[in-house]
Amino acid sequence: GRLGALYRVVLPAAKPGLVTVSLLAFIGAWNEVLLALVLTSS
């Protein structure tokens, strides 16, 4: 089915792209200093 094709075929084929975007998003969030400085109080 469509959902099975997504999980069994498309997502494994997209694994490198998902890993790359996840890693870039993690680095971006980890290095976000200004927003974290403003929003954290304690």
Full PDB file with SEQRES, HELIX, SHEET, SSBOND, CRYST1, ORIGX, SCALE, CONECT and MASTER records, all heavy atoms in Angstrom:
SEQRES   1 A   42  GLY ARG LEU GLY ALA LEU TYR ARG VAL VAL LEU PRO ALA          
SEQRES   2 A   42  ALA LYS PRO GLY LEU VAL THR VAL SER LEU LEU ALA PHE          
SEQRES   3 A   42  ILE GLY ALA TRP ASN GLU VAL LEU LEU ALA LEU VAL LEU          
SEQRES   4 A   42  THR SER SER                                                  
HELIX    1 AA1 ARG A    2  ALA A    5  1                                   4    
HELIX    2 AA2 LEU A    6  VAL A   10  3                                   5    
HELIX    3 AA3 LEU A   11  ALA A   13  1                                   3    
HELIX    4 AA4 LYS A   15  TRP A   30  1                                  16    
HELIX    5 AA5 LEU A   34  LEU A   39  1                                   6    
CRYST1    1.000    1.000    1.000  90.00  90.00  90.00 P 1           1          
ORIGX1      1.000000  0.000000  0.000000        0.00000                         
ORIGX2      0.000000  1.000000  0.000000        0.00000                         
ORIGX3      0.000000  0.000000  1.000000        0.00000                         
SCALE1      1.000000  0.000000  0.000000        0.00000                         
SCALE2      0.000000  1.000000  0.000000        0.00000                         
SCALE3      0.000000  0.000000  1.000000        0.00000                         
ATOM      1  N   GLY A   1       0.830  -1.198   0.000  1.00  0.00           N  
ATOM      2  CA  GLY A   1       0.000   0.000   0.000  1.00  0.00           C  
ATOM      3  C   GLY A   1       0.868   1.253   0.000  1.00  0.00           C  
ATOM      4  O   GLY A   1       2.104   1.192   0.042  1.00  0.00           O  
ATOM      5  N   ARG A   2       0.231   2.399  -0.060  1.00  0.00           N  
ATOM      6  CA  ARG A   2       0.976   3.670  -0.087  1.00  0.00           C  
ATOM      7  C   ARG A   2       1.834   3.844   1.171  1.00  0.00           C  
ATOM      8  O   ARG A   2       2.982   4.248   1.097  1.00  0.00           O  
ATOM      9  CB  ARG A   2       0.021   4.851  -0.227  1.00  0.00           C  
ATOM     10  CG  ARG A   2      -0.634   4.939  -1.548  1.00  0.00           C  
ATOM     11  CD  ARG A   2      -0.197   6.229  -2.212  1.00  0.00           C  
ATOM     12  NE  ARG A   2      -0.802   6.298  -3.525  1.00  0.00           N  
ATOM     13  CZ  ARG A   2      -0.103   6.412  -4.637  1.00  0.00           C  
ATOM     14  NH1 ARG A   2       1.203   6.478  -4.585  1.00  0.00           N  
ATOM     15  NH2 ARG A   2      -0.705   6.464  -5.791  1.00  0.00           N  
ATOM     16  N   LEU A   3       1.254   3.559   2.317  1.00  0.00           N  
ATOM     17  CA  LEU A   3       1.997   3.709   3.570  1.00  0.00           C  
ATOM     18  C   LEU A   3       3.144   2.710   3.649  1.00  0.00           C  
ATOM     19  O   LEU A   3       4.251   3.044   4.083  1.00  0.00           O  
ATOM     20  CB  LEU A   3       1.044   3.536   4.753  1.00  0.00           C  
ATOM     21  CG  LEU A   3       1.516   4.045   6.097  1.00  0.00           C  
ATOM     22  CD1 LEU A   3       1.875   5.525   6.028  1.00  0.00           C  
ATOM     23  CD2 LEU A   3       0.464   3.816   7.151  1.00  0.00           C  
ATOM     24  N   GLY A   4       2.905   1.485   3.195  1.00  0.00           N  
ATOM     25  CA  GLY A   4       3.960   0.484   3.173  1.00  0.00           C  
ATOM     26  C   GLY A   4       5.082   0.853   2.225  1.00  0.00           C  
ATOM     27  O   GLY A   4       6.257   0.630   2.510  1.00  0.00           O  
ATOM     28  N   ALA A   5       4.702   1.422   1.064  1.00  0.00           N  
ATOM     29  CA  ALA A   5       5.728   1.864   0.106  1.00  0.00           C  
ATOM     30  C   ALA A   5       6.560   2.989   0.702  1.00  0.00           C  
ATOM     31  O   ALA A   5       7.776   3.053   0.499  1.00  0.00           O  
ATOM     32  CB  ALA A   5       5.066   2.331  -1.190  1.00  0.00           C  
ATOM     33  N   LEU A   6       5.907   3.861   1.459  1.00  0.00           N  
ATOM     34  CA  LEU A   6       6.646   4.952   2.103  1.00  0.00           C  
ATOM     35  C   LEU A   6       7.662   4.407   3.100  1.00  0.00           C  
ATOM     36  O   LEU A   6       8.834   4.794   3.074  1.00  0.00           O  
ATOM     37  CB  LEU A   6       5.671   5.911   2.797  1.00  0.00           C  
ATOM     38  CG  LEU A   6       6.307   7.031   3.597  1.00  0.00           C  
ATOM     39  CD1 LEU A   6       6.966   8.048   2.669  1.00  0.00           C  
ATOM     40  CD2 LEU A   6       5.283   7.704   4.473  1.00  0.00           C  
ATOM     41  N   TYR A   7       7.216   3.487   3.969  1.00  0.00           N  
ATOM     42  CA  TYR A   7       8.093   2.972   5.020  1.00  0.00           C  
ATOM     43  C   TYR A   7       9.129   1.976   4.517  1.00  0.00           C  
ATOM     44  O   TYR A   7      10.239   1.927   5.030  1.00  0.00           O  
ATOM     45  CB  TYR A   7       7.273   2.319   6.147  1.00  0.00           C  
ATOM     46  CG  TYR A   7       6.613   3.333   7.033  1.00  0.00           C  
ATOM     47  CD1 TYR A   7       5.238   3.430   7.106  1.00  0.00           C  
ATOM     48  CD2 TYR A   7       7.364   4.204   7.807  1.00  0.00           C  
ATOM     49  CE1 TYR A   7       4.624   4.359   7.917  1.00  0.00           C  
ATOM     50  CE2 TYR A   7       6.771   5.137   8.615  1.00  0.00           C  
ATOM     51  CZ  TYR A   7       5.394   5.220   8.671  1.00  0.00           C  
ATOM     52  OH  TYR A   7       4.798   6.144   9.461  1.00  0.00           O  
ATOM     53  N   ARG A   8       8.778   1.168   3.513  1.00  0.00           N  
ATOM     54  CA  ARG A   8       9.684   0.117   3.071  1.00  0.00           C  
ATOM     55  C   ARG A   8      10.594   0.513   1.913  1.00  0.00           C  
ATOM     56  O   ARG A   8      11.624  -0.112   1.698  1.00  0.00           O  
ATOM     57  CB  ARG A   8       8.890  -1.111   2.672  1.00  0.00           C  
ATOM     58  CG  ARG A   8       8.208  -1.753   3.839  1.00  0.00           C  
ATOM     59  CD  ARG A   8       7.549  -3.046   3.448  1.00  0.00           C  
ATOM     60  NE  ARG A   8       6.829  -3.584   4.592  1.00  0.00           N  
ATOM     61  CZ  ARG A   8       5.596  -4.038   4.529  1.00  0.00           C  
ATOM     62  NH1 ARG A   8       4.947  -4.056   3.388  1.00  0.00           N  
ATOM     63  NH2 ARG A   8       5.025  -4.509   5.608  1.00  0.00           N  
ATOM     64  N   VAL A   9      10.193   1.540   1.142  1.00  0.00           N  
ATOM     65  CA  VAL A   9      10.973   1.878  -0.054  1.00  0.00           C  
ATOM     66  C   VAL A   9      11.479   3.314  -0.014  1.00  0.00           C  
ATOM     67  O   VAL A   9      12.681   3.572  -0.133  1.00  0.00           O  
ATOM     68  CB  VAL A   9      10.125   1.645  -1.339  1.00  0.00           C  
ATOM     69  CG1 VAL A   9      10.888   2.068  -2.570  1.00  0.00           C  
ATOM     70  CG2 VAL A   9       9.700   0.198  -1.434  1.00  0.00           C  
ATOM     71  N   VAL A  10      10.575   4.266   0.164  1.00  0.00           N  
ATOM     72  CA  VAL A  10      10.942   5.679   0.027  1.00  0.00           C  
ATOM     73  C   VAL A  10      11.822   6.146   1.186  1.00  0.00           C  
ATOM     74  O   VAL A  10      12.865   6.772   0.970  1.00  0.00           O  
ATOM     75  CB  VAL A  10       9.685   6.558  -0.118  1.00  0.00           C  
ATOM     76  CG1 VAL A  10      10.055   8.025  -0.172  1.00  0.00           C  
ATOM     77  CG2 VAL A  10       8.904   6.163  -1.358  1.00  0.00           C  
ATOM     78  N   LEU A  11      11.413   5.861   2.422  1.00  0.00           N  
ATOM     79  CA  LEU A  11      12.215   6.327   3.563  1.00  0.00           C  
ATOM     80  C   LEU A  11      13.609   5.690   3.621  1.00  0.00           C  
ATOM     81  O   LEU A  11      14.583   6.396   3.902  1.00  0.00           O  
ATOM     82  CB  LEU A  11      11.456   6.115   4.870  1.00  0.00           C  
ATOM     83  CG  LEU A  11      10.278   7.064   5.089  1.00  0.00           C  
ATOM     84  CD1 LEU A  11       9.596   6.762   6.415  1.00  0.00           C  
ATOM     85  CD2 LEU A  11      10.698   8.508   5.023  1.00  0.00           C  
ATOM     86  N   PRO A  12      13.767   4.384   3.344  1.00  0.00           N  
ATOM     87  CA  PRO A  12      15.136   3.856   3.278  1.00  0.00           C  
ATOM     88  C   PRO A  12      15.969   4.501   2.168  1.00  0.00           C  
ATOM     89  O   PRO A  12      17.168   4.716   2.335  1.00  0.00           O  
ATOM     90  CB  PRO A  12      14.943   2.361   3.028  1.00  0.00           C  
ATOM     91  CG  PRO A  12      13.617   2.053   3.616  1.00  0.00           C  
ATOM     92  CD  PRO A  12      12.789   3.279   3.343  1.00  0.00           C  
ATOM     93  N   ALA A  13      15.332   4.828   1.043  1.00  0.00           N  
ATOM     94  CA  ALA A  13      16.062   5.501  -0.032  1.00  0.00           C  
ATOM     95  C   ALA A  13      16.421   6.930   0.361  1.00  0.00           C  
ATOM     96  O   ALA A  13      17.428   7.478  -0.112  1.00  0.00           O  
ATOM     97  CB  ALA A  13      15.240   5.501  -1.319  1.00  0.00           C  
ATOM     98  N   ALA A  14      15.607   7.513   1.232  1.00  0.00           N  
ATOM     99  CA  ALA A  14      15.839   8.899   1.655  1.00  0.00           C  
ATOM    100  C   ALA A  14      16.675   8.991   2.930  1.00  0.00           C  
ATOM    101  O   ALA A  14      16.896  10.097   3.439  1.00  0.00           O  
ATOM    102  CB  ALA A  14      14.504   9.601   1.873  1.00  0.00           C  
ATOM    103  N   LYS A  15      17.165   7.874   3.434  1.00  0.00           N  
ATOM    104  CA  LYS A  15      17.917   7.857   4.695  1.00  0.00           C  
ATOM    105  C   LYS A  15      19.106   8.833   4.710  1.00  0.00           C  
ATOM    106  O   LYS A  15      19.258   9.583   5.669  1.00  0.00           O  
ATOM    107  CB  LYS A  15      18.372   6.440   5.006  1.00  0.00           C  
ATOM    108  CG  LYS A  15      19.018   6.287   6.350  1.00  0.00           C  
ATOM    109  CD  LYS A  15      19.385   4.837   6.608  1.00  0.00           C  
ATOM    110  CE  LYS A  15      20.106   4.670   7.920  1.00  0.00           C  
ATOM    111  NZ  LYS A  15      20.495   3.270   8.139  1.00  0.00           N  
ATOM    112  N   PRO A  16      19.936   8.880   3.663  1.00  0.00           N  
ATOM    113  CA  PRO A  16      21.046   9.853   3.703  1.00  0.00           C  
ATOM    114  C   PRO A  16      20.564  11.302   3.791  1.00  0.00           C  
ATOM    115  O   PRO A  16      21.141  12.107   4.523  1.00  0.00           O  
ATOM    116  CB  PRO A  16      21.786   9.601   2.388  1.00  0.00           C  
ATOM    117  CG  PRO A  16      21.434   8.216   2.009  1.00  0.00           C  
ATOM    118  CD  PRO A  16      20.037   8.006   2.491  1.00  0.00           C  
ATOM    119  N   GLY A  17      19.506  11.629   3.078  1.00  0.00           N  
ATOM    120  CA  GLY A  17      18.978  12.994   3.137  1.00  0.00           C  
ATOM    121  C   GLY A  17      18.389  13.311   4.493  1.00  0.00           C  
ATOM    122  O   GLY A  17      18.567  14.409   5.027  1.00  0.00           O  
ATOM    123  N   LEU A  18      17.666  12.355   5.075  1.00  0.00           N  
ATOM    124  CA  LEU A  18      17.085  12.562   6.399  1.00  0.00           C  
ATOM    125  C   LEU A  18      18.165  12.711   7.465  1.00  0.00           C  
ATOM    126  O   LEU A  18      18.058  13.562   8.358  1.00  0.00           O  
ATOM    127  CB  LEU A  18      16.159  11.393   6.748  1.00  0.00           C  
ATOM    128  CG  LEU A  18      14.880  11.283   5.924  1.00  0.00           C  
ATOM    129  CD1 LEU A  18      14.192   9.949   6.181  1.00  0.00           C  
ATOM    130  CD2 LEU A  18      13.960  12.442   6.221  1.00  0.00           C  
ATOM    131  N   VAL A  19      19.212  11.910   7.361  1.00  0.00           N  
ATOM    132  CA  VAL A  19      20.320  12.006   8.317  1.00  0.00           C  
ATOM    133  C   VAL A  19      21.020  13.355   8.175  1.00  0.00           C  
ATOM    134  O   VAL A  19      21.333  14.017   9.174  1.00  0.00           O  
ATOM    135  CB  VAL A  19      21.317  10.839   8.126  1.00  0.00           C  
ATOM    136  CG1 VAL A  19      22.604  11.081   8.876  1.00  0.00           C  
ATOM    137  CG2 VAL A  19      20.679   9.540   8.567  1.00  0.00           C  
ATOM    138  N   THR A  20      21.239  13.789   6.941  1.00  0.00           N  
ATOM    139  CA  THR A  20      21.915  15.064   6.708  1.00  0.00           C  
ATOM    140  C   THR A  20      21.115  16.224   7.262  1.00  0.00           C  
ATOM    141  O   THR A  20      21.651  17.075   7.985  1.00  0.00           O  
ATOM    142  CB  THR A  20      22.150  15.267   5.197  1.00  0.00           C  
ATOM    143  OG1 THR A  20      22.945  14.193   4.714  1.00  0.00           O  
ATOM    144  CG2 THR A  20      22.847  16.580   4.920  1.00  0.00           C  
ATOM    145  N   VAL A  21      19.838  16.261   6.968  1.00  0.00           N  
ATOM    146  CA  VAL A  21      18.991  17.354   7.453  1.00  0.00           C  
ATOM    147  C   VAL A  21      18.857  17.299   8.972  1.00  0.00           C  
ATOM    148  O   VAL A  21      18.879  18.335   9.638  1.00  0.00           O  
ATOM    149  CB  VAL A  21      17.618  17.327   6.759  1.00  0.00           C  
ATOM    150  CG1 VAL A  21      16.637  18.266   7.420  1.00  0.00           C  
ATOM    151  CG2 VAL A  21      17.776  17.671   5.286  1.00  0.00           C  
ATOM    152  N   SER A  22      18.744  16.098   9.531  1.00  0.00           N  
ATOM    153  CA  SER A  22      18.660  15.974  10.984  1.00  0.00           C  
ATOM    154  C   SER A  22      19.931  16.471  11.660  1.00  0.00           C  
ATOM    155  O   SER A  22      19.868  17.172  12.673  1.00  0.00           O  
ATOM    156  CB  SER A  22      18.413  14.521  11.376  1.00  0.00           C  
ATOM    157  OG  SER A  22      17.213  14.062  10.837  1.00  0.00           O  
ATOM    158  N   LEU A  23      21.070  16.113  11.093  1.00  0.00           N  
ATOM    159  CA  LEU A  23      22.338  16.561  11.659  1.00  0.00           C  
ATOM    160  C   LEU A  23      22.488  18.080  11.551  1.00  0.00           C  
ATOM    161  O   LEU A  23      22.903  18.735  12.512  1.00  0.00           O  
ATOM    162  CB  LEU A  23      23.505  15.854  10.980  1.00  0.00           C  
ATOM    163  CG  LEU A  23      24.887  16.073  11.567  1.00  0.00           C  
ATOM    164  CD1 LEU A  23      24.926  15.654  13.029  1.00  0.00           C  
ATOM    165  CD2 LEU A  23      25.928  15.293  10.792  1.00  0.00           C  
ATOM    166  N   LEU A  24      22.130  18.642  10.406  1.00  0.00           N  
ATOM    167  CA  LEU A  24      22.196  20.095  10.254  1.00  0.00           C  
ATOM    168  C   LEU A  24      21.227  20.807  11.192  1.00  0.00           C  
ATOM    169  O   LEU A  24      21.553  21.859  11.762  1.00  0.00           O  
ATOM    170  CB  LEU A  24      21.928  20.486   8.804  1.00  0.00           C  
ATOM    171  CG  LEU A  24      23.005  20.110   7.793  1.00  0.00           C  
ATOM    172  CD1 LEU A  24      22.540  20.421   6.372  1.00  0.00           C  
ATOM    173  CD2 LEU A  24      24.308  20.831   8.097  1.00  0.00           C  
ATOM    174  N   ALA A  25      20.040  20.247  11.373  1.00  0.00           N  
ATOM    175  CA  ALA A  25      19.064  20.836  12.296  1.00  0.00           C  
ATOM    176  C   ALA A  25      19.562  20.755  13.739  1.00  0.00           C  
ATOM    177  O   ALA A  25      19.416  21.703  14.512  1.00  0.00           O  
ATOM    178  CB  ALA A  25      17.720  20.136  12.155  1.00  0.00           C  
ATOM    179  N   PHE A  26      20.176  19.622  14.094  1.00  0.00           N  
ATOM    180  CA  PHE A  26      20.718  19.480  15.445  1.00  0.00           C  
ATOM    181  C   PHE A  26      21.832  20.492  15.694  1.00  0.00           C  
ATOM    182  O   PHE A  26      21.877  21.140  16.745  1.00  0.00           O  
ATOM    183  CB  PHE A  26      21.239  18.058  15.666  1.00  0.00           C  
ATOM    184  CG  PHE A  26      21.891  17.866  17.002  1.00  0.00           C  
ATOM    185  CD1 PHE A  26      21.124  17.740  18.144  1.00  0.00           C  
ATOM    186  CD2 PHE A  26      23.274  17.835  17.117  1.00  0.00           C  
ATOM    187  CE1 PHE A  26      21.721  17.586  19.380  1.00  0.00           C  
ATOM    188  CE2 PHE A  26      23.881  17.675  18.344  1.00  0.00           C  
ATOM    189  CZ  PHE A  26      23.103  17.544  19.487  1.00  0.00           C  
ATOM    190  N   ILE A  27      22.721  20.630  14.729  1.00  0.00           N  
ATOM    191  CA  ILE A  27      23.822  21.594  14.887  1.00  0.00           C  
ATOM    192  C   ILE A  27      23.273  23.012  14.982  1.00  0.00           C  
ATOM    193  O   ILE A  27      23.727  23.813  15.796  1.00  0.00           O  
ATOM    194  CB  ILE A  27      24.829  21.461  13.731  1.00  0.00           C  
ATOM    195  CG1 ILE A  27      25.579  20.130  13.846  1.00  0.00           C  
ATOM    196  CG2 ILE A  27      25.824  22.617  13.723  1.00  0.00           C  
ATOM    197  CD1 ILE A  27      26.431  19.797  12.632  1.00  0.00           C  
ATOM    198  N   GLY A  28      22.284  23.324  14.161  1.00  0.00           N  
ATOM    199  CA  GLY A  28      21.676  24.657  14.220  1.00  0.00           C  
ATOM    200  C   GLY A  28      21.017  24.938  15.559  1.00  0.00           C  
ATOM    201  O   GLY A  28      21.162  26.028  16.122  1.00  0.00           O  
ATOM    202  N   ALA A  29      20.290  23.958  16.084  1.00  0.00           N  
ATOM    203  CA  ALA A  29      19.635  24.134  17.380  1.00  0.00           C  
ATOM    204  C   ALA A  29      20.652  24.160  18.515  1.00  0.00           C  
ATOM    205  O   ALA A  29      20.514  24.925  19.470  1.00  0.00           O  
ATOM    206  CB  ALA A  29      18.624  23.015  17.609  1.00  0.00           C  
ATOM    207  N   TRP A  30      21.675  23.341  18.406  1.00  0.00           N  
ATOM    208  CA  TRP A  30      22.698  23.278  19.459  1.00  0.00           C  
ATOM    209  C   TRP A  30      23.467  24.591  19.556  1.00  0.00           C  
ATOM    210  O   TRP A  30      23.817  25.033  20.639  1.00  0.00           O  
ATOM    211  CB  TRP A  30      23.645  22.126  19.155  1.00  0.00           C  
ATOM    212  CG  TRP A  30      24.675  21.880  20.209  1.00  0.00           C  
ATOM    213  CD1 TRP A  30      25.975  22.284  20.195  1.00  0.00           C  
ATOM    214  CD2 TRP A  30      24.498  21.182  21.438  1.00  0.00           C  
ATOM    215  NE1 TRP A  30      26.613  21.873  21.328  1.00  0.00           N  
ATOM    216  CE2 TRP A  30      25.719  21.192  22.119  1.00  0.00           C  
ATOM    217  CE3 TRP A  30      23.416  20.543  22.027  1.00  0.00           C  
ATOM    218  CZ2 TRP A  30      25.895  20.589  23.354  1.00  0.00           C  
ATOM    219  CZ3 TRP A  30      23.602  19.943  23.258  1.00  0.00           C  
ATOM    220  CH2 TRP A  30      24.820  19.965  23.900  1.00  0.00           C  
ATOM    221  N   ASN A  31      23.724  25.209  18.420  1.00  0.00           N  
ATOM    222  CA  ASN A  31      24.519  26.434  18.412  1.00  0.00           C  
ATOM    223  C   ASN A  31      23.688  27.705  18.521  1.00  0.00           C  
ATOM    224  O   ASN A  31      24.246  28.790  18.433  1.00  0.00           O  
ATOM    225  CB  ASN A  31      25.369  26.489  17.140  1.00  0.00           C  
ATOM    226  CG  ASN A  31      26.480  25.478  17.164  1.00  0.00           C  
ATOM    227  OD1 ASN A  31      26.995  25.146  18.222  1.00  0.00           O  
ATOM    228  ND2 ASN A  31      26.836  24.976  16.008  1.00  0.00           N  
ATOM    229  N   GLU A  32      22.391  27.577  18.696  1.00  0.00           N  
ATOM    230  CA  GLU A  32      21.538  28.758  18.821  1.00  0.00           C  
ATOM    231  C   GLU A  32      21.763  29.393  20.193  1.00  0.00           C  
ATOM    232  O   GLU A  32      21.288  28.894  21.206  1.00  0.00           O  
ATOM    233  CB  GLU A  32      20.074  28.366  18.649  1.00  0.00           C  
ATOM    234  CG  GLU A  32      19.124  29.517  18.761  1.00  0.00           C  
ATOM    235  CD  GLU A  32      19.384  30.603  17.739  1.00  0.00           C  
ATOM    236  OE1 GLU A  32      19.410  30.309  16.547  1.00  0.00           O  
ATOM    237  OE2 GLU A  32      19.574  31.758  18.159  1.00  0.00           O  
ATOM    238  N   VAL A  33      22.483  30.477  20.219  1.00  0.00           N  
ATOM    239  CA  VAL A  33      22.838  31.108  21.489  1.00  0.00           C  
ATOM    240  C   VAL A  33      21.897  32.259  21.816  1.00  0.00           C  
ATOM    241  O   VAL A  33      21.380  32.357  22.923  1.00  0.00           O  
ATOM    242  CB  VAL A  33      24.306  31.608  21.455  1.00  0.00           C  
ATOM    243  CG1 VAL A  33      24.642  32.391  22.701  1.00  0.00           C  
ATOM    244  CG2 VAL A  33      25.247  30.439  21.306  1.00  0.00           C  
ATOM    245  N   LEU A  34      21.646  33.127  20.868  1.00  0.00           N  
ATOM    246  CA  LEU A  34      20.861  34.329  21.149  1.00  0.00           C  
ATOM    247  C   LEU A  34      19.446  34.001  21.598  1.00  0.00           C  
ATOM    248  O   LEU A  34      18.965  34.522  22.604  1.00  0.00           O  
ATOM    249  CB  LEU A  34      20.836  35.230  19.907  1.00  0.00           C  
ATOM    250  CG  LEU A  34      20.117  36.558  20.083  1.00  0.00           C  
ATOM    251  CD1 LEU A  34      20.786  37.391  21.161  1.00  0.00           C  
ATOM    252  CD2 LEU A  34      20.094  37.315  18.777  1.00  0.00           C  
ATOM    253  N   LEU A  35      18.773  33.119  20.893  1.00  0.00           N  
ATOM    254  CA  LEU A  35      17.410  32.757  21.255  1.00  0.00           C  
ATOM    255  C   LEU A  35      17.373  32.066  22.615  1.00  0.00           C  
ATOM    256  O   LEU A  35      16.513  32.363  23.448  1.00  0.00           O  
ATOM    257  CB  LEU A  35      16.817  31.854  20.177  1.00  0.00           C  
ATOM    258  CG  LEU A  35      15.336  31.557  20.274  1.00  0.00           C  
ATOM    259  CD1 LEU A  35      14.532  32.836  20.091  1.00  0.00           C  
ATOM    260  CD2 LEU A  35      14.936  30.549  19.230  1.00  0.00           C  
ATOM    261  N   ALA A  36      18.300  31.162  22.850  1.00  0.00           N  
ATOM    262  CA  ALA A  36      18.349  30.465  24.135  1.00  0.00           C  
ATOM    263  C   ALA A  36      18.696  31.429  25.269  1.00  0.00           C  
ATOM    264  O   ALA A  36      18.176  31.300  26.372  1.00  0.00           O  
ATOM    265  CB  ALA A  36      19.361  29.338  24.081  1.00  0.00           C  
ATOM    266  N   LEU A  37      19.529  32.411  25.003  1.00  0.00           N  
ATOM    267  CA  LEU A  37      19.899  33.387  26.029  1.00  0.00           C  
ATOM    268  C   LEU A  37      18.702  34.251  26.409  1.00  0.00           C  
ATOM    269  O   LEU A  37      18.485  34.559  27.578  1.00  0.00           O  
ATOM    270  CB  LEU A  37      21.047  34.270  25.521  1.00  0.00           C  
ATOM    271  CG  LEU A  37      21.643  35.275  26.487  1.00  0.00           C  
ATOM    272  CD1 LEU A  37      22.241  34.574  27.686  1.00  0.00           C  
ATOM    273  CD2 LEU A  37      22.709  36.107  25.794  1.00  0.00           C  
ATOM    274  N   VAL A  38      17.889  34.610  25.429  1.00  0.00           N  
ATOM    275  CA  VAL A  38      16.726  35.455  25.683  1.00  0.00           C  
ATOM    276  C   VAL A  38      15.615  34.663  26.377  1.00  0.00           C  
ATOM    277  O   VAL A  38      14.954  35.185  27.278  1.00  0.00           O  
ATOM    278  CB  VAL A  38      16.210  36.064  24.359  1.00  0.00           C  
ATOM    279  CG1 VAL A  38      14.874  36.737  24.542  1.00  0.00           C  
ATOM    280  CG2 VAL A  38      17.229  37.045  23.810  1.00  0.00           C  
ATOM    281  N   LEU A  39      15.393  33.427  25.978  1.00  0.00           N  
ATOM    282  CA  LEU A  39      14.256  32.663  26.481  1.00  0.00           C  
ATOM    283  C   LEU A  39      14.514  31.922  27.782  1.00  0.00           C  
ATOM    284  O   LEU A  39      13.565  31.487  28.428  1.00  0.00           O  
ATOM    285  CB  LEU A  39      13.788  31.668  25.420  1.00  0.00           C  
ATOM    286  CG  LEU A  39      13.185  32.279  24.158  1.00  0.00           C  
ATOM    287  CD1 LEU A  39      12.794  31.196  23.180  1.00  0.00           C  
ATOM    288  CD2 LEU A  39      11.984  33.137  24.500  1.00  0.00           C  
ATOM    289  N   THR A  40      15.750  31.742  28.182  1.00  0.00           N  
ATOM    290  CA  THR A  40      16.012  31.066  29.450  1.00  0.00           C  
ATOM    291  C   THR A  40      16.234  32.095  30.530  1.00  0.00           C  
ATOM    292  O   THR A  40      16.933  33.085  30.340  1.00  0.00           O  
ATOM    293  CB  THR A  40      17.248  30.147  29.350  1.00  0.00           C  
ATOM    294  OG1 THR A  40      18.369  30.897  28.903  1.00  0.00           O  
ATOM    295  CG2 THR A  40      16.992  29.002  28.409  1.00  0.00           C  
ATOM    296  N   SER A  41      15.622  31.840  31.685  1.00  0.00           N  
ATOM    297  CA  SER A  41      15.723  32.818  32.759  1.00  0.00           C  
ATOM    298  C   SER A  41      16.540  32.313  33.944  1.00  0.00           C  
ATOM    299  O   SER A  41      17.221  33.082  34.605  1.00  0.00           O  
ATOM    300  CB  SER A  41      14.319  33.212  33.234  1.00  0.00           C  
ATOM    301  OG  SER A  41      13.597  32.061  33.613  1.00  0.00           O  
ATOM    302  N   SER A  42      16.487  31.025  34.218  1.00  0.00           N  
ATOM    303  CA  SER A  42      17.216  30.528  35.376  1.00  0.00           C  
ATOM    304  C   SER A  42      18.502  29.831  34.940  1.00  0.00           C  
ATOM    305  O   SER A  42      18.663  29.425  33.792  1.00  0.00           O  
ATOM    306  CB  SER A  42      16.342  29.545  36.167  1.00  0.00           C  
ATOM    307  OG  SER A  42      16.120  28.378  35.424  1.00  0.00           O  
TER     308      SER A  42                                                      
MASTER        0    0    0    5    0    0    0    6  307    1    0    4          
END                                                                             
